[in-house]
């Protein structure tokens, strides 16, 4: 019996980004991404393993080598628009946020269950780690181009920053591709 339940939800790929290795999280818009087991070649978040960051200090000292479940940043176009509106902007450029994949069509996207899968037409499959909590770094990118708006990003993005994910099955993604959502077939935790 399968442990992943296919849903009726499909997300259309409306934007793809490549975040070059370096200091900035600003993404370059690209028409396609080639996803390998280590993520996207040449990217800031590439690698099967990574150094733990401040988000993991209750488990490991900062810099401890751990599995890289943050290879990709996946956001919802609808949630990103709601963030822009709350910030007082007409739109928000996905490049500021270090987006790998921007999807349209999956409601309440940021809160899809951890371990959900998104599968593309060629079988490429990414596994959702968890919600990507907002931080100040994207706000700095916003501020650089839209002075006076950067500090508004973190509070406006709360609960709508998307998810982090890792590549489970390599393949390619192109603009316009449809990603099918599969969720774990289990009841909610009830201790």
N, C-alpha and C. Protein backbone atom coordinates (compact mmCIF):
# COMPACT_ATOMS: atom_id res chain seq x y z
N UNK A 1 0.83 -1.18 0.00
CA UNK A 1 0.00 0.00 0.00
C UNK A 1 0.88 1.25 0.00
N UNK A 2 0.62 2.19 -0.93
CA UNK A 2 1.42 3.42 -0.98
C UNK A 2 1.28 4.24 0.29
N UNK A 3 2.37 4.90 0.69
CA UNK A 3 2.33 5.75 1.88
C UNK A 3 2.15 7.22 1.51
N UNK A 4 2.17 7.51 0.21
CA UNK A 4 1.94 8.88 -0.25
C UNK A 4 0.61 8.90 -0.99
N UNK A 5 -0.28 9.79 -0.56
CA UNK A 5 -1.61 9.89 -1.16
C UNK A 5 -1.60 10.99 -2.23
N UNK A 6 -1.97 10.63 -3.45
CA UNK A 6 -2.07 11.60 -4.52
C UNK A 6 -3.25 12.53 -4.26
N UNK A 7 -3.04 13.82 -4.41
CA UNK A 7 -4.12 14.78 -4.24
C UNK A 7 -4.60 15.26 -5.61
N UNK A 8 -5.65 16.04 -5.60
CA UNK A 8 -6.13 16.62 -6.86
C UNK A 8 -5.41 17.92 -7.20
N UNK A 9 -4.47 18.34 -6.33
CA UNK A 9 -3.82 19.63 -6.51
C UNK A 9 -2.59 19.55 -7.39
N UNK A 10 -2.52 20.51 -8.31
CA UNK A 10 -1.38 20.67 -9.20
C UNK A 10 -0.88 22.10 -9.05
N UNK A 11 0.42 22.26 -9.03
CA UNK A 11 1.01 23.60 -9.00
C UNK A 11 1.69 23.86 -10.33
N UNK A 12 1.33 24.97 -10.96
CA UNK A 12 1.98 25.34 -12.22
C UNK A 12 3.25 26.12 -11.91
N UNK A 13 4.35 25.74 -12.53
CA UNK A 13 5.62 26.44 -12.37
C UNK A 13 5.53 27.76 -13.14
N UNK A 14 5.52 28.88 -12.40
CA UNK A 14 5.39 30.20 -13.05
C UNK A 14 6.68 31.00 -13.02
N UNK A 15 7.66 30.56 -12.24
CA UNK A 15 8.96 31.25 -12.17
C UNK A 15 9.97 30.26 -11.63
N UNK A 16 11.17 30.27 -12.18
CA UNK A 16 12.28 29.45 -11.70
C UNK A 16 13.46 30.36 -11.44
N UNK A 17 14.19 30.07 -10.37
CA UNK A 17 15.33 30.90 -10.02
C UNK A 17 16.58 30.09 -9.72
N UNK A 18 17.69 30.67 -10.06
CA UNK A 18 19.01 30.10 -9.76
C UNK A 18 19.72 31.10 -8.85
N UNK A 19 20.07 30.65 -7.63
CA UNK A 19 20.74 31.51 -6.66
C UNK A 19 22.23 31.20 -6.71
N UNK A 20 23.02 32.06 -7.38
CA UNK A 20 24.45 31.77 -7.50
C UNK A 20 25.11 31.65 -6.13
N UNK A 21 26.13 30.80 -6.05
CA UNK A 21 26.90 30.67 -4.81
C UNK A 21 27.51 32.02 -4.48
N UNK A 22 27.50 32.38 -3.22
CA UNK A 22 28.04 33.66 -2.80
C UNK A 22 27.26 34.20 -1.62
N UNK A 23 27.38 35.49 -1.38
CA UNK A 23 26.78 36.11 -0.19
C UNK A 23 25.29 36.39 -0.33
N UNK A 24 24.83 36.79 -1.49
CA UNK A 24 23.46 37.22 -1.69
C UNK A 24 22.53 36.02 -1.91
N UNK A 25 21.25 36.18 -1.55
CA UNK A 25 20.26 35.15 -1.87
C UNK A 25 19.48 35.52 -3.13
N UNK A 26 19.84 36.64 -3.76
CA UNK A 26 19.11 37.09 -4.94
C UNK A 26 19.22 36.05 -6.06
N UNK A 27 18.07 35.67 -6.59
CA UNK A 27 18.01 34.64 -7.63
C UNK A 27 17.96 35.26 -9.01
N UNK A 28 18.54 34.56 -9.97
CA UNK A 28 18.44 34.93 -11.38
C UNK A 28 17.30 34.13 -11.99
N UNK A 29 16.42 34.78 -12.71
CA UNK A 29 15.32 34.10 -13.38
C UNK A 29 15.87 33.22 -14.51
N UNK A 30 15.43 31.96 -14.57
CA UNK A 30 15.88 31.03 -15.59
C UNK A 30 14.66 30.30 -16.18
N UNK A 31 14.76 29.81 -17.41
CA UNK A 31 13.63 29.10 -18.02
C UNK A 31 13.51 27.65 -17.58
N UNK A 32 14.58 27.09 -17.04
CA UNK A 32 14.57 25.67 -16.64
C UNK A 32 15.60 25.45 -15.54
N UNK A 33 15.37 24.39 -14.75
CA UNK A 33 16.33 23.95 -13.74
C UNK A 33 16.60 22.48 -13.93
N UNK A 34 17.87 22.11 -13.86
CA UNK A 34 18.26 20.71 -13.85
C UNK A 34 18.53 20.34 -12.40
N UNK A 35 17.73 19.42 -11.87
CA UNK A 35 17.82 19.05 -10.46
C UNK A 35 18.51 17.70 -10.31
N UNK A 36 19.62 17.69 -9.57
CA UNK A 36 20.33 16.46 -9.27
C UNK A 36 20.19 16.14 -7.79
N UNK A 37 20.75 15.04 -7.35
CA UNK A 37 20.65 14.67 -5.94
C UNK A 37 21.22 15.73 -5.01
N UNK A 38 22.13 16.55 -5.51
CA UNK A 38 22.72 17.62 -4.69
C UNK A 38 21.99 18.95 -4.89
N UNK A 39 20.88 18.95 -5.61
CA UNK A 39 20.15 20.18 -5.87
C UNK A 39 20.50 20.72 -7.24
N UNK A 40 20.72 22.03 -7.32
CA UNK A 40 21.04 22.70 -8.57
C UNK A 40 22.53 23.04 -8.59
N UNK A 41 23.23 22.56 -9.61
CA UNK A 41 24.68 22.77 -9.70
C UNK A 41 25.01 24.26 -9.69
N UNK A 42 26.04 24.62 -8.91
CA UNK A 42 26.52 25.99 -8.85
C UNK A 42 25.69 26.93 -7.99
N UNK A 43 24.71 26.38 -7.29
CA UNK A 43 23.85 27.23 -6.47
C UNK A 43 24.36 27.39 -5.06
N UNK A 44 23.90 28.43 -4.40
CA UNK A 44 24.24 28.71 -3.01
C UNK A 44 23.85 27.55 -2.09
N UNK A 45 22.74 26.88 -2.37
CA UNK A 45 22.24 25.81 -1.51
C UNK A 45 22.53 24.42 -2.06
N UNK A 46 23.45 24.31 -3.01
CA UNK A 46 23.80 23.01 -3.59
C UNK A 46 24.51 22.15 -2.55
N UNK A 47 24.26 20.85 -2.62
CA UNK A 47 25.00 19.91 -1.79
C UNK A 47 24.09 18.87 -1.16
N UNK A 48 24.63 17.67 -1.02
CA UNK A 48 23.87 16.62 -0.32
C UNK A 48 23.94 16.85 1.18
N UNK A 49 25.00 17.50 1.64
CA UNK A 49 25.15 17.86 3.04
C UNK A 49 25.40 19.36 3.12
N UNK A 50 25.24 19.91 4.32
CA UNK A 50 25.48 21.34 4.54
C UNK A 50 25.90 21.55 5.98
N UNK A 51 26.38 22.73 6.27
CA UNK A 51 26.69 23.11 7.65
C UNK A 51 25.40 23.56 8.32
N UNK A 52 25.16 23.11 9.54
CA UNK A 52 23.96 23.54 10.25
C UNK A 52 24.04 25.04 10.50
N UNK A 53 22.86 25.65 10.53
CA UNK A 53 22.76 27.10 10.70
C UNK A 53 22.06 27.41 12.01
N UNK A 54 21.77 28.67 12.21
CA UNK A 54 21.14 29.12 13.44
C UNK A 54 19.78 28.45 13.68
N UNK A 55 19.11 28.02 12.61
CA UNK A 55 17.81 27.36 12.74
C UNK A 55 17.91 26.00 13.43
N UNK A 56 19.11 25.46 13.54
CA UNK A 56 19.29 24.10 14.08
C UNK A 56 20.10 24.08 15.38
N UNK A 57 20.32 25.24 16.01
CA UNK A 57 21.20 25.29 17.18
C UNK A 57 20.65 24.53 18.39
N UNK A 58 19.36 24.24 18.43
CA UNK A 58 18.85 23.44 19.55
C UNK A 58 19.19 21.95 19.36
N UNK A 59 19.67 21.58 18.18
CA UNK A 59 20.08 20.20 17.91
C UNK A 59 21.59 20.04 17.78
N UNK A 60 22.25 21.02 17.10
CA UNK A 60 23.68 20.89 16.78
C UNK A 60 24.38 22.23 16.96
N UNK A 61 25.66 22.21 17.29
CA UNK A 61 26.42 23.46 17.24
C UNK A 61 26.45 23.98 15.80
N UNK A 62 26.39 25.29 15.65
CA UNK A 62 26.42 25.90 14.33
C UNK A 62 27.66 25.42 13.58
N UNK A 63 27.46 25.03 12.31
CA UNK A 63 28.56 24.56 11.48
C UNK A 63 28.70 23.05 11.43
N UNK A 64 27.90 22.30 12.21
CA UNK A 64 27.95 20.84 12.19
C UNK A 64 27.47 20.34 10.83
N UNK A 65 28.16 19.37 10.25
CA UNK A 65 27.73 18.82 8.96
C UNK A 65 26.47 17.98 9.16
N UNK A 66 25.43 18.32 8.38
CA UNK A 66 24.15 17.60 8.43
C UNK A 66 23.64 17.40 7.01
N UNK A 67 22.62 16.59 6.85
CA UNK A 67 21.98 16.36 5.54
C UNK A 67 21.37 17.68 5.07
N UNK A 68 21.47 17.96 3.80
CA UNK A 68 20.93 19.20 3.23
C UNK A 68 19.49 18.99 2.77
N UNK A 69 18.56 19.39 3.61
CA UNK A 69 17.14 19.32 3.24
C UNK A 69 16.62 20.70 2.85
N UNK A 70 17.54 21.64 2.63
CA UNK A 70 17.20 23.01 2.23
C UNK A 70 17.81 23.34 0.87
N UNK A 71 17.81 22.37 -0.05
CA UNK A 71 18.38 22.60 -1.37
C UNK A 71 17.55 23.59 -2.19
N UNK A 72 16.24 23.61 -1.96
CA UNK A 72 15.34 24.42 -2.76
C UNK A 72 14.42 25.25 -1.87
N UNK A 73 14.04 26.40 -2.37
CA UNK A 73 13.04 27.25 -1.73
C UNK A 73 11.85 27.31 -2.68
N UNK A 74 10.70 26.82 -2.22
CA UNK A 74 9.51 26.73 -3.08
C UNK A 74 8.42 27.61 -2.48
N UNK A 75 7.90 28.52 -3.29
CA UNK A 75 6.90 29.46 -2.83
C UNK A 75 5.66 29.41 -3.70
N UNK A 76 4.59 29.95 -3.13
CA UNK A 76 3.31 30.08 -3.82
C UNK A 76 3.18 31.50 -4.35
N UNK A 77 2.79 31.62 -5.60
CA UNK A 77 2.57 32.94 -6.20
C UNK A 77 1.47 33.69 -5.43
N UNK A 78 0.43 32.97 -5.04
CA UNK A 78 -0.68 33.59 -4.33
C UNK A 78 -0.24 34.12 -2.97
N UNK A 79 0.54 33.33 -2.24
CA UNK A 79 1.03 33.78 -0.93
C UNK A 79 2.04 34.92 -1.06
N UNK A 80 2.86 34.87 -2.10
CA UNK A 80 3.83 35.94 -2.31
C UNK A 80 3.11 37.25 -2.62
N UNK A 81 2.00 37.17 -3.37
CA UNK A 81 1.22 38.37 -3.66
C UNK A 81 0.58 38.93 -2.39
N UNK A 82 0.09 38.05 -1.51
CA UNK A 82 -0.48 38.50 -0.24
C UNK A 82 0.58 39.20 0.61
N UNK A 83 1.81 38.68 0.58
CA UNK A 83 2.91 39.32 1.30
C UNK A 83 3.18 40.71 0.73
N UNK A 84 3.23 40.80 -0.60
CA UNK A 84 3.46 42.10 -1.25
C UNK A 84 2.39 43.11 -0.84
N UNK A 85 1.15 42.69 -0.87
CA UNK A 85 0.03 43.58 -0.52
C UNK A 85 0.19 44.07 0.92
N UNK A 86 0.51 43.17 1.83
CA UNK A 86 0.69 43.56 3.23
C UNK A 86 1.87 44.52 3.40
N UNK A 87 2.86 44.40 2.52
CA UNK A 87 4.02 45.30 2.57
C UNK A 87 3.73 46.65 1.92
N UNK A 88 2.56 46.79 1.30
CA UNK A 88 2.22 48.03 0.62
C UNK A 88 2.77 48.11 -0.78
N UNK A 89 3.09 46.96 -1.37
CA UNK A 89 3.62 46.89 -2.74
C UNK A 89 2.58 46.29 -3.67
N UNK A 90 2.63 46.67 -4.95
CA UNK A 90 1.75 46.03 -5.94
C UNK A 90 2.18 44.60 -6.20
N UNK A 91 3.49 44.39 -6.31
CA UNK A 91 4.04 43.06 -6.54
C UNK A 91 5.35 42.93 -5.78
N UNK A 92 5.81 41.71 -5.68
CA UNK A 92 7.10 41.42 -5.04
C UNK A 92 7.88 40.54 -6.00
N UNK A 93 9.08 40.93 -6.32
CA UNK A 93 9.91 40.18 -7.26
C UNK A 93 10.46 38.93 -6.57
N UNK A 94 10.20 37.76 -7.14
CA UNK A 94 10.65 36.48 -6.57
C UNK A 94 12.17 36.44 -6.41
N UNK A 95 12.89 37.18 -7.23
CA UNK A 95 14.36 37.14 -7.16
C UNK A 95 14.86 37.63 -5.81
N UNK A 96 14.15 38.58 -5.17
CA UNK A 96 14.57 39.09 -3.87
C UNK A 96 14.57 38.02 -2.79
N UNK A 97 13.72 37.02 -2.96
CA UNK A 97 13.46 36.04 -1.90
C UNK A 97 14.28 34.76 -2.04
N UNK A 98 15.14 34.68 -3.03
CA UNK A 98 15.94 33.47 -3.23
C UNK A 98 15.10 32.28 -3.65
N UNK A 99 14.04 32.54 -4.40
CA UNK A 99 13.11 31.49 -4.82
C UNK A 99 13.77 30.57 -5.84
N UNK A 100 13.60 29.26 -5.64
CA UNK A 100 13.99 28.28 -6.64
C UNK A 100 12.82 28.00 -7.57
N UNK A 101 11.64 27.76 -6.97
CA UNK A 101 10.44 27.40 -7.73
C UNK A 101 9.27 28.20 -7.19
N UNK A 102 8.59 28.92 -8.08
CA UNK A 102 7.38 29.65 -7.73
C UNK A 102 6.21 28.94 -8.41
N UNK A 103 5.23 28.52 -7.58
CA UNK A 103 4.09 27.76 -8.08
C UNK A 103 2.80 28.56 -7.96
N UNK A 104 1.86 28.23 -8.82
CA UNK A 104 0.51 28.79 -8.75
C UNK A 104 -0.48 27.62 -8.67
N UNK A 105 -1.45 27.72 -7.74
CA UNK A 105 -2.55 26.78 -7.79
C UNK A 105 -2.72 25.83 -6.62
N UNK A 106 -1.80 25.82 -5.65
CA UNK A 106 -1.96 24.94 -4.48
C UNK A 106 -2.30 25.82 -3.29
N UNK A 107 -3.55 25.72 -2.79
CA UNK A 107 -3.96 26.58 -1.67
C UNK A 107 -3.21 26.28 -0.38
N UNK A 108 -3.05 27.31 0.45
CA UNK A 108 -2.39 27.19 1.75
C UNK A 108 -1.04 26.48 1.62
N UNK A 109 -0.32 26.83 0.58
CA UNK A 109 0.89 26.09 0.20
C UNK A 109 1.92 25.99 1.31
N UNK A 110 2.18 27.07 2.02
CA UNK A 110 3.21 27.05 3.06
C UNK A 110 2.95 25.97 4.11
N UNK A 111 1.72 25.54 4.24
CA UNK A 111 1.36 24.60 5.30
C UNK A 111 1.06 23.19 4.79
N UNK A 112 1.52 22.86 3.57
CA UNK A 112 1.39 21.47 3.15
C UNK A 112 2.25 20.63 4.11
N UNK A 113 1.87 19.38 4.35
CA UNK A 113 2.59 18.60 5.37
C UNK A 113 4.06 18.35 5.01
N UNK A 114 4.94 18.40 6.02
CA UNK A 114 6.31 17.95 5.79
C UNK A 114 6.28 16.54 5.21
N UNK A 115 7.25 16.23 4.37
CA UNK A 115 7.38 14.96 3.65
C UNK A 115 6.45 14.84 2.45
N UNK A 116 5.66 15.89 2.16
CA UNK A 116 4.88 15.88 0.92
C UNK A 116 5.84 15.83 -0.26
N UNK A 117 5.35 15.35 -1.39
CA UNK A 117 6.15 15.30 -2.61
C UNK A 117 5.49 16.14 -3.68
N UNK A 118 6.31 16.79 -4.50
CA UNK A 118 5.87 17.49 -5.70
C UNK A 118 6.57 16.81 -6.86
N UNK A 119 5.77 16.28 -7.80
CA UNK A 119 6.35 15.48 -8.89
C UNK A 119 6.03 16.13 -10.23
N UNK A 120 7.08 16.27 -11.05
CA UNK A 120 6.96 16.88 -12.36
C UNK A 120 6.71 15.88 -13.47
N UNK A 121 6.55 16.40 -14.69
CA UNK A 121 6.18 15.56 -15.84
C UNK A 121 7.18 14.46 -16.18
N UNK A 122 8.49 14.72 -15.97
CA UNK A 122 9.49 13.70 -16.30
C UNK A 122 9.80 12.78 -15.12
N UNK A 123 9.04 12.93 -14.03
CA UNK A 123 9.27 12.11 -12.84
C UNK A 123 10.13 12.80 -11.79
N UNK A 124 10.69 13.97 -12.12
CA UNK A 124 11.47 14.70 -11.12
C UNK A 124 10.58 14.89 -9.90
N UNK A 125 11.15 14.60 -8.73
CA UNK A 125 10.36 14.68 -7.50
C UNK A 125 11.17 15.39 -6.42
N UNK A 126 10.52 16.35 -5.78
CA UNK A 126 11.14 17.02 -4.65
C UNK A 126 10.33 16.70 -3.40
N UNK A 127 11.03 16.58 -2.28
CA UNK A 127 10.43 16.28 -0.99
C UNK A 127 10.44 17.54 -0.14
N UNK A 128 9.29 17.86 0.42
CA UNK A 128 9.15 19.03 1.28
C UNK A 128 9.77 18.71 2.63
N UNK A 129 10.66 19.58 3.09
CA UNK A 129 11.19 19.47 4.44
C UNK A 129 10.18 20.07 5.40
N UNK A 130 10.03 21.40 5.37
CA UNK A 130 9.09 22.06 6.27
C UNK A 130 8.90 23.50 5.84
N UNK A 131 8.06 24.20 6.59
CA UNK A 131 7.83 25.62 6.35
C UNK A 131 9.16 26.37 6.43
N UNK A 132 9.33 27.30 5.51
CA UNK A 132 10.51 28.16 5.50
C UNK A 132 10.15 29.44 6.24
N UNK A 133 10.55 29.54 7.48
CA UNK A 133 10.20 30.71 8.29
C UNK A 133 10.86 31.96 7.72
N UNK A 134 10.13 33.09 7.74
CA UNK A 134 10.71 34.33 7.22
C UNK A 134 11.89 34.81 8.06
N UNK A 135 12.83 35.46 7.41
CA UNK A 135 13.97 36.05 8.10
C UNK A 135 14.25 37.42 7.50
N UNK A 136 15.25 38.10 7.99
CA UNK A 136 15.54 39.46 7.54
C UNK A 136 16.33 39.51 6.23
N UNK A 137 16.95 38.41 5.83
CA UNK A 137 17.82 38.43 4.64
C UNK A 137 17.07 38.84 3.38
N UNK A 138 15.89 38.26 3.06
CA UNK A 138 15.17 38.75 1.88
C UNK A 138 14.79 40.23 1.99
N UNK A 139 14.50 40.67 3.22
CA UNK A 139 14.18 42.08 3.42
C UNK A 139 15.31 43.00 2.99
N UNK A 140 16.55 42.55 3.18
CA UNK A 140 17.70 43.34 2.75
C UNK A 140 17.73 43.49 1.22
N UNK A 141 17.36 42.41 0.52
CA UNK A 141 17.31 42.47 -0.95
C UNK A 141 16.20 43.41 -1.40
N UNK A 142 15.05 43.35 -0.73
CA UNK A 142 13.94 44.26 -1.05
C UNK A 142 14.39 45.70 -0.80
N UNK A 143 15.00 45.93 0.35
CA UNK A 143 15.42 47.29 0.73
C UNK A 143 16.41 47.88 -0.27
N UNK A 144 17.28 47.05 -0.82
CA UNK A 144 18.29 47.54 -1.76
C UNK A 144 17.64 48.18 -2.99
N UNK A 145 16.51 47.64 -3.43
CA UNK A 145 15.84 48.16 -4.63
C UNK A 145 14.61 49.00 -4.33
N UNK A 146 13.99 48.76 -3.17
CA UNK A 146 12.76 49.46 -2.80
C UNK A 146 12.91 50.04 -1.39
N UNK A 147 13.72 51.10 -1.26
CA UNK A 147 13.99 51.65 0.07
C UNK A 147 12.70 51.94 0.85
N UNK A 148 12.75 51.58 2.15
CA UNK A 148 11.62 51.80 3.02
C UNK A 148 10.67 50.62 3.12
N UNK A 149 10.89 49.55 2.34
CA UNK A 149 9.99 48.39 2.34
C UNK A 149 10.62 47.12 2.91
N UNK A 150 11.93 47.09 3.04
CA UNK A 150 12.61 45.87 3.46
C UNK A 150 12.21 45.35 4.82
N UNK A 151 12.08 46.24 5.81
CA UNK A 151 11.74 45.81 7.17
C UNK A 151 10.34 45.22 7.25
N UNK A 152 9.49 45.52 6.29
CA UNK A 152 8.11 45.01 6.30
C UNK A 152 8.05 43.56 5.84
N UNK A 153 9.12 43.04 5.22
CA UNK A 153 9.04 41.69 4.66
C UNK A 153 8.79 40.61 5.72
N UNK A 154 9.61 40.55 6.75
CA UNK A 154 9.53 39.45 7.71
C UNK A 154 8.14 39.33 8.35
N UNK A 155 7.55 40.40 8.89
CA UNK A 155 6.22 40.23 9.46
C UNK A 155 5.14 39.93 8.41
N UNK A 156 5.28 40.50 7.21
CA UNK A 156 4.28 40.28 6.17
C UNK A 156 4.33 38.85 5.63
N UNK A 157 5.51 38.22 5.66
CA UNK A 157 5.67 36.88 5.11
C UNK A 157 5.36 35.77 6.11
N UNK A 158 5.07 36.13 7.35
CA UNK A 158 4.81 35.10 8.36
C UNK A 158 3.64 34.21 7.91
N UNK A 159 3.91 32.89 7.90
CA UNK A 159 2.90 31.93 7.49
C UNK A 159 2.69 31.81 6.00
N UNK A 160 3.52 32.53 5.22
CA UNK A 160 3.39 32.44 3.76
C UNK A 160 4.73 32.56 3.04
N UNK A 161 5.79 32.02 3.65
CA UNK A 161 7.14 32.09 3.09
C UNK A 161 7.48 30.86 2.25
N UNK A 162 6.52 29.92 2.13
CA UNK A 162 6.78 28.73 1.35
C UNK A 162 7.47 27.65 2.16
N UNK A 163 8.11 26.73 1.46
CA UNK A 163 8.73 25.57 2.09
C UNK A 163 10.15 25.40 1.57
N UNK A 164 10.95 24.68 2.35
CA UNK A 164 12.24 24.23 1.86
C UNK A 164 12.06 22.79 1.40
N UNK A 165 12.90 22.36 0.48
CA UNK A 165 12.74 21.03 -0.10
C UNK A 165 14.09 20.51 -0.59
N UNK A 166 14.11 19.19 -0.86
CA UNK A 166 15.31 18.55 -1.39
C UNK A 166 14.90 17.61 -2.52
N UNK A 167 15.87 17.30 -3.38
CA UNK A 167 15.60 16.47 -4.56
C UNK A 167 15.62 15.00 -4.17
N UNK A 168 14.49 14.34 -4.39
CA UNK A 168 14.41 12.90 -4.15
C UNK A 168 14.69 12.11 -5.43
N UNK A 169 14.19 12.62 -6.56
CA UNK A 169 14.46 11.98 -7.87
C UNK A 169 14.86 13.07 -8.85
N UNK A 170 16.07 12.99 -9.40
CA UNK A 170 16.54 14.01 -10.33
C UNK A 170 15.70 14.11 -11.60
N UNK A 171 15.80 15.26 -12.22
CA UNK A 171 15.11 15.53 -13.47
C UNK A 171 15.17 17.00 -13.77
N UNK A 172 14.31 17.44 -14.68
CA UNK A 172 14.31 18.84 -15.10
C UNK A 172 12.94 19.47 -14.84
N UNK A 173 12.97 20.76 -14.56
CA UNK A 173 11.75 21.55 -14.44
C UNK A 173 11.82 22.70 -15.43
N UNK A 174 10.69 23.00 -16.05
CA UNK A 174 10.60 24.09 -17.02
C UNK A 174 9.41 24.98 -16.65
N UNK A 175 9.49 26.23 -17.05
CA UNK A 175 8.35 27.12 -16.88
C UNK A 175 7.13 26.49 -17.52
N UNK A 176 6.00 26.55 -16.85
CA UNK A 176 4.76 25.98 -17.37
C UNK A 176 4.51 24.54 -16.96
N UNK A 177 5.54 23.85 -16.43
CA UNK A 177 5.34 22.47 -15.97
C UNK A 177 4.32 22.44 -14.85
N UNK A 178 3.64 21.31 -14.72
CA UNK A 178 2.70 21.09 -13.63
C UNK A 178 3.34 20.12 -12.63
N UNK A 179 3.30 20.49 -11.35
CA UNK A 179 3.80 19.61 -10.29
C UNK A 179 2.61 19.06 -9.52
N UNK A 180 2.51 17.75 -9.44
CA UNK A 180 1.44 17.06 -8.74
C UNK A 180 1.81 16.93 -7.27
N UNK A 181 0.85 17.23 -6.38
CA UNK A 181 1.08 17.17 -4.95
C UNK A 181 0.65 15.82 -4.38
N UNK A 182 1.57 15.18 -3.67
CA UNK A 182 1.31 13.95 -2.92
C UNK A 182 1.56 14.27 -1.45
N UNK A 183 0.69 13.79 -0.56
CA UNK A 183 0.86 14.04 0.87
C UNK A 183 0.96 12.73 1.63
N UNK A 184 1.62 12.73 2.79
CA UNK A 184 1.72 11.49 3.57
C UNK A 184 0.33 10.99 3.97
N UNK A 185 0.14 9.69 3.85
CA UNK A 185 -1.14 9.05 4.19
C UNK A 185 -1.09 8.63 5.66
N UNK A 186 -1.22 9.60 6.55
CA UNK A 186 -1.21 9.31 7.98
C UNK A 186 -2.04 10.35 8.70
N UNK A 187 -2.54 10.01 9.85
CA UNK A 187 -3.32 10.96 10.64
C UNK A 187 -2.39 11.98 11.27
N UNK A 188 -2.95 13.09 11.71
CA UNK A 188 -2.16 14.11 12.40
C UNK A 188 -1.69 13.56 13.74
N UNK A 189 -0.54 14.03 14.19
CA UNK A 189 0.03 13.62 15.47
C UNK A 189 -0.89 14.06 16.59
N UNK A 190 -1.20 13.19 17.53
CA UNK A 190 -2.11 13.50 18.64
C UNK A 190 -1.57 12.90 19.93
N UNK A 191 -0.52 13.51 20.53
CA UNK A 191 0.07 12.93 21.74
C UNK A 191 -0.89 12.97 22.92
